[in-house]
Amino acid sequence: MQPIRNFPLLDAEASARLIGAAGADEFASALLDLARSVADVEELFGYIVVDEQEPKVLMSRSLLPGVEDRVSLYVHRFYRHDPAVHANWKMQPGKSFVQRISLAGIIPYDYRTHCFIAPGFSEKLSFGWRGANYLLVVSFYGTDAQDQDALHKLAHLASMTLALLVRQYAPIAGEDAAEVIRARLRRSYSALSDRETQICTLTILGRSSADIAAELNISPGTVLTYRQRAYHKAGVSSAAELVPTILN
């Protein structure tokens, strides 16, 4: 059998580490590390939009300062001007998309200035998935000096990332996601206490330890204690390992 040549694949071990980090606070850092190993990427940003509401930030990481400000400006001011968004809401559900957007394609001057010129980005590559009532997007920012192998690898990485994010964040149509997840966790892991089930539910929904602590009026350390205790009882090491059970 002749080997297939010139078909760029991702590092399998690095990809496995990324999958293992799904649902954890370090996922975005692991994703940026892997993206940088295959392409000239300096920043990434992922979000979901449900029913055409304001985008909800899922993750962001950068090698450069000011990423929090750029993300906030995008969500609250520039999202509607993004060329990667307009056409994608008109797509049929169940379709993926990729758009390569150069600096010249950004029309509003302040959007171009704050999110491209100031950090030194000449383009972004946006990959997304159009669900039944949601749009999920992951964008990689950098320069336009990518070769074809780098672009193919980045596309493979984006596809894997979108699948992980769909599994974690896609809304459950017609039902309250938190209640559905909580009920399925109780069904599958009866040994969990009510508080452990509650914290696992919020973690699966993408809440950070700090967000959960604020919502439940407990300390972040207490959140981590409950979470680790729940993982031990369930025989898992991350929230991502709970997801296949609650989806079945």
Protein backbone atom coordinates (compact mmCIF):
# COMPACT_ATOMS: atom_id res chain seq x y z
CA MET A 1 0.00 0.00 0.00
CA GLN A 2 1.36 3.40 -0.95
CA PRO A 3 1.45 6.01 1.84
CA ILE A 4 -0.69 9.11 1.43
CA ARG A 5 1.71 12.00 1.07
CA ASN A 6 1.32 15.71 1.70
CA PHE A 7 -1.78 15.33 3.84
CA PRO A 8 -1.19 17.48 6.95
CA LEU A 9 -2.57 16.08 10.18
CA LEU A 10 -2.55 17.41 13.71
CA ASP A 11 -0.24 16.05 16.39
CA ALA A 12 -2.32 13.22 17.88
CA GLU A 13 -0.88 13.53 21.39
CA ALA A 14 -1.35 17.30 21.50
CA SER A 15 -4.89 16.84 20.21
CA ALA A 16 -5.58 14.30 22.94
CA ARG A 17 -4.39 16.79 25.56
CA LEU A 18 -6.74 19.40 24.11
CA ILE A 19 -9.69 17.00 24.25
CA GLY A 20 -8.79 16.18 27.85
CA ALA A 21 -8.89 19.89 28.72
CA ALA A 22 -12.41 20.37 27.32
CA GLY A 23 -14.64 21.92 29.94
CA ALA A 24 -11.69 23.04 32.06
CA ASP A 25 -10.34 26.55 32.58
CA GLU A 26 -7.12 25.68 30.72
CA PHE A 27 -8.89 24.67 27.48
CA ALA A 28 -8.33 28.03 25.75
CA SER A 29 -4.64 28.04 26.63
CA ALA A 30 -4.24 24.49 25.32
CA LEU A 31 -6.07 25.47 22.13
CA LEU A 32 -3.85 28.51 21.55
CA ASP A 33 -0.72 26.41 22.12
CA LEU A 34 -1.85 23.83 19.58
CA ALA A 35 -2.93 26.51 17.08
CA ARG A 36 0.47 28.19 17.36
CA SER A 37 2.20 24.88 16.70
CA VAL A 38 0.55 24.65 13.27
CA ALA A 39 0.02 28.26 12.12
CA ASP A 40 0.95 31.88 12.76
CA VAL A 41 -1.74 32.55 15.37
CA GLU A 42 -1.44 35.04 18.22
CA GLU A 43 -4.99 35.26 19.53
CA LEU A 44 -8.22 33.30 19.55
CA PHE A 45 -11.78 34.04 20.51
CA GLY A 46 -14.84 31.79 20.65
CA TYR A 47 -18.49 32.69 21.18
CA ILE A 48 -22.03 31.44 20.75
CA VAL A 49 -25.10 33.41 19.68
CA VAL A 50 -28.52 31.97 20.56
CA ASP A 51 -31.63 33.26 18.77
CA GLU A 52 -29.64 36.20 17.36
CA GLN A 53 -29.10 37.71 20.80
CA GLU A 54 -25.84 39.28 21.97
CA PRO A 55 -22.85 36.91 21.66
CA LYS A 56 -21.85 34.97 24.76
CA VAL A 57 -18.09 34.65 25.15
CA LEU A 58 -16.95 31.04 25.56
CA MET A 59 -13.18 31.56 25.57
CA SER A 60 -10.41 33.97 24.62
CA ARG A 61 -6.62 33.80 24.83
CA SER A 62 -3.85 35.96 23.42
CA LEU A 63 -0.12 36.49 23.50
CA LEU A 64 -0.79 40.23 23.48
CA PRO A 65 -2.17 42.58 26.14
CA GLY A 66 -5.66 44.02 25.89
CA VAL A 67 -7.54 40.92 24.76
CA GLU A 68 -10.29 41.52 27.33
CA ASP A 69 -10.92 44.99 25.91
CA ARG A 70 -10.94 43.71 22.33
CA VAL A 71 -13.41 40.96 23.20
CA SER A 72 -15.68 43.39 25.03
CA LEU A 73 -15.62 45.87 22.14
CA TYR A 74 -16.40 43.11 19.67
CA VAL A 75 -19.34 41.75 21.67
CA HIS A 76 -20.93 45.09 22.49
CA ARG A 77 -20.05 47.21 19.42
CA PHE A 78 -18.54 45.39 16.46
CA TYR A 79 -20.28 42.03 16.27
CA ARG A 80 -22.97 43.28 13.87
CA HIS A 81 -20.28 44.63 11.53
CA ASP A 82 -18.37 41.35 11.28
CA PRO A 83 -18.34 39.96 7.71
CA ALA A 84 -18.16 36.46 9.23
CA VAL A 85 -21.61 36.84 10.79
CA HIS A 86 -24.12 38.34 8.34
CA ALA A 87 -24.32 35.59 5.73
CA ASN A 88 -24.05 32.79 8.25
CA TRP A 89 -27.41 33.45 9.92
CA LYS A 90 -29.01 32.92 6.48
CA MET A 91 -27.49 29.45 6.15
CA GLN A 92 -29.55 26.34 6.70
CA PRO A 93 -29.01 24.74 10.14
CA GLY A 94 -26.52 21.89 10.14
CA LYS A 95 -23.93 23.70 8.05
CA SER A 96 -20.33 24.61 8.87
CA PHE A 97 -18.46 27.56 7.42
CA VAL A 98 -15.02 29.12 7.21
CA GLN A 99 -14.21 32.72 6.32
CA ARG A 100 -10.81 34.29 5.86
CA ILE A 101 -11.11 38.00 6.56
CA SER A 102 -8.27 40.40 5.83
CA LEU A 103 -7.69 43.81 7.34
CA ALA A 104 -8.96 45.41 4.14
CA GLY A 105 -12.30 43.61 4.53
CA ILE A 106 -13.07 45.31 7.85
CA ILE A 107 -15.17 48.37 7.03
CA PRO A 108 -15.86 50.31 10.27
CA TYR A 109 -12.72 52.30 11.04
CA ASP A 110 -12.90 51.89 14.82
CA TYR A 111 -13.42 48.10 14.49
CA ARG A 112 -10.38 47.87 12.20
CA THR A 113 -8.32 50.11 14.49
CA HIS A 114 -9.10 48.49 17.85
CA CYS A 115 -9.24 44.82 16.84
CA PHE A 116 -6.71 44.60 14.00
CA ILE A 117 -4.35 47.55 13.58
CA ALA A 118 -3.60 48.16 17.28
CA PRO A 119 -2.66 44.52 18.09
CA GLY A 120 -0.95 44.11 14.70
CA PHE A 121 -3.26 41.52 13.09
CA SER A 122 -3.61 41.49 9.32
CA GLU A 123 -6.33 38.84 9.16
CA LYS A 124 -8.57 36.46 11.05
CA LEU A 125 -9.79 33.00 10.17
CA SER A 126 -13.31 32.35 11.44
CA PHE A 127 -14.72 28.82 11.62
CA GLY A 128 -18.29 28.19 12.65
CA TRP A 129 -21.30 25.95 12.92
CA ARG A 130 -24.92 26.94 12.30
CA GLY A 131 -27.21 25.08 14.66
CA ALA A 132 -31.00 25.06 14.76
CA ASN A 133 -31.21 28.28 16.77
CA TYR A 134 -27.61 29.18 17.43
CA LEU A 135 -24.38 30.22 15.77
CA LEU A 136 -21.04 29.00 17.17
CA VAL A 137 -17.84 30.73 16.01
CA VAL A 138 -14.13 30.31 16.74
CA SER A 139 -11.74 32.89 15.26
CA PHE A 140 -7.95 32.78 15.04
CA TYR A 141 -6.10 36.09 14.64
CA GLY A 142 -2.65 36.55 13.13
CA THR A 143 -0.96 37.40 9.85
CA ASP A 144 -1.79 36.36 6.31
CA ALA A 145 1.46 34.45 5.81
CA GLN A 146 -0.10 30.99 6.29
CA ASP A 147 0.86 28.22 3.85
CA GLN A 148 -1.64 25.60 2.72
CA ASP A 149 -0.43 22.95 5.17
CA ALA A 150 -0.88 25.41 8.04
CA LEU A 151 -4.37 26.32 6.86
CA HIS A 152 -5.38 22.67 6.53
CA LYS A 153 -4.13 21.88 10.03
CA LEU A 154 -5.88 24.92 11.46
CA ALA A 155 -9.10 23.81 9.77
CA HIS A 156 -8.75 20.34 11.34
CA LEU A 157 -8.16 21.96 14.72
CA ALA A 158 -11.16 24.27 14.31
CA SER A 159 -13.41 21.36 13.37
CA MET A 160 -12.40 19.42 16.48
CA THR A 161 -12.81 22.54 18.64
CA LEU A 162 -16.29 23.26 17.29
CA ALA A 163 -17.35 19.67 17.99
CA LEU A 164 -16.16 19.97 21.59
CA LEU A 165 -17.92 23.32 22.02
CA VAL A 166 -21.16 22.06 20.47
CA ARG A 167 -21.16 19.17 22.91
CA GLN A 168 -20.62 21.52 25.82
CA TYR A 169 -22.56 24.67 24.93
CA ALA A 170 -25.19 23.93 22.30
CA PRO A 171 -28.64 24.80 23.70
CA ILE A 172 -31.06 21.98 24.40
CA ALA A 173 -34.05 22.85 22.25
CA GLY A 174 -37.40 23.19 23.98
CA GLU A 175 -36.11 22.51 27.49
CA ASP A 176 -34.15 24.28 30.15
CA ALA A 177 -30.57 23.10 29.73
CA ALA A 178 -29.66 23.27 33.42
CA GLU A 179 -32.67 21.24 34.49
CA VAL A 180 -32.10 18.63 31.79
CA ILE A 181 -28.42 18.24 32.65
CA ARG A 182 -29.11 18.12 36.38
CA ALA A 183 -31.74 15.40 35.92
CA ARG A 184 -29.44 13.34 33.71
CA LEU A 185 -26.56 13.64 36.17
CA ARG A 186 -28.83 12.41 38.98
CA ARG A 187 -29.91 9.50 36.77
CA SER A 188 -26.35 8.50 35.90
CA TYR A 189 -24.51 9.37 39.12
CA SER A 190 -26.83 8.79 42.05
CA ALA A 191 -23.95 8.99 44.54
CA LEU A 192 -23.51 12.74 43.91
CA SER A 193 -24.93 15.10 46.49
CA ASP A 194 -27.31 17.89 45.45
CA ARG A 195 -24.51 20.47 45.67
CA GLU A 196 -22.08 18.30 43.70
CA THR A 197 -24.72 17.77 41.02
CA GLN A 198 -25.44 21.50 40.92
CA ILE A 199 -21.77 22.42 40.50
CA CYS A 200 -21.19 19.76 37.83
CA THR A 201 -24.25 21.07 35.96
CA LEU A 202 -22.95 24.63 35.96
CA THR A 203 -19.48 23.44 34.93
CA ILE A 204 -20.91 21.52 31.96
CA LEU A 205 -22.78 24.68 30.98
CA GLY A 206 -19.44 26.46 30.73
CA ARG A 207 -19.44 28.49 33.94
CA SER A 208 -16.04 29.24 35.45
CA SER A 209 -15.24 28.48 39.08
CA ALA A 210 -15.47 32.19 39.88
CA ASP A 211 -18.90 32.49 38.21
CA ILE A 212 -20.23 29.45 40.07
CA ALA A 213 -18.87 30.76 43.37
CA ALA A 214 -20.59 34.12 42.86
CA GLU A 215 -23.88 32.51 41.84
CA LEU A 216 -23.96 30.10 44.81
CA ASN A 217 -22.43 32.56 47.30
CA ILE A 218 -19.53 30.28 48.18
CA SER A 219 -15.78 30.59 47.68
CA PRO A 220 -14.02 29.43 44.49
CA GLY A 221 -12.02 27.01 46.64
CA THR A 222 -15.23 25.42 47.87
CA VAL A 223 -16.41 25.06 44.26
CA LEU A 224 -13.19 23.22 43.40
CA THR A 225 -13.56 20.95 46.44
CA TYR A 226 -17.14 19.96 45.51
CA ARG A 227 -16.13 19.49 41.89
CA GLN A 228 -13.17 17.23 42.64
CA ARG A 229 -15.26 15.22 45.09
CA ALA A 230 -17.92 14.76 42.40
CA TYR A 231 -15.35 13.73 39.79
CA HIS A 232 -13.92 11.17 42.21
CA LYS A 233 -17.36 9.68 42.87
CA ALA A 234 -18.17 9.59 39.16
CA GLY A 235 -14.79 8.13 38.22
CA VAL A 236 -13.88 10.95 35.83
CA SER A 237 -11.21 13.64 35.70
CA SER A 238 -13.08 16.47 33.94
CA ALA A 239 -16.57 17.70 33.11
CA ALA A 240 -15.99 16.70 29.48
CA GLU A 241 -16.03 13.03 30.56
CA LEU A 242 -19.50 13.49 32.04
CA VAL A 243 -20.98 14.82 28.79
CA PRO A 244 -21.29 11.52 26.84
CA THR A 245 -23.33 10.04 29.67
CA ILE A 246 -25.81 12.91 29.89
CA LEU A 247 -26.24 13.00 26.11
CA ASN A 248 -27.41 9.40 26.01
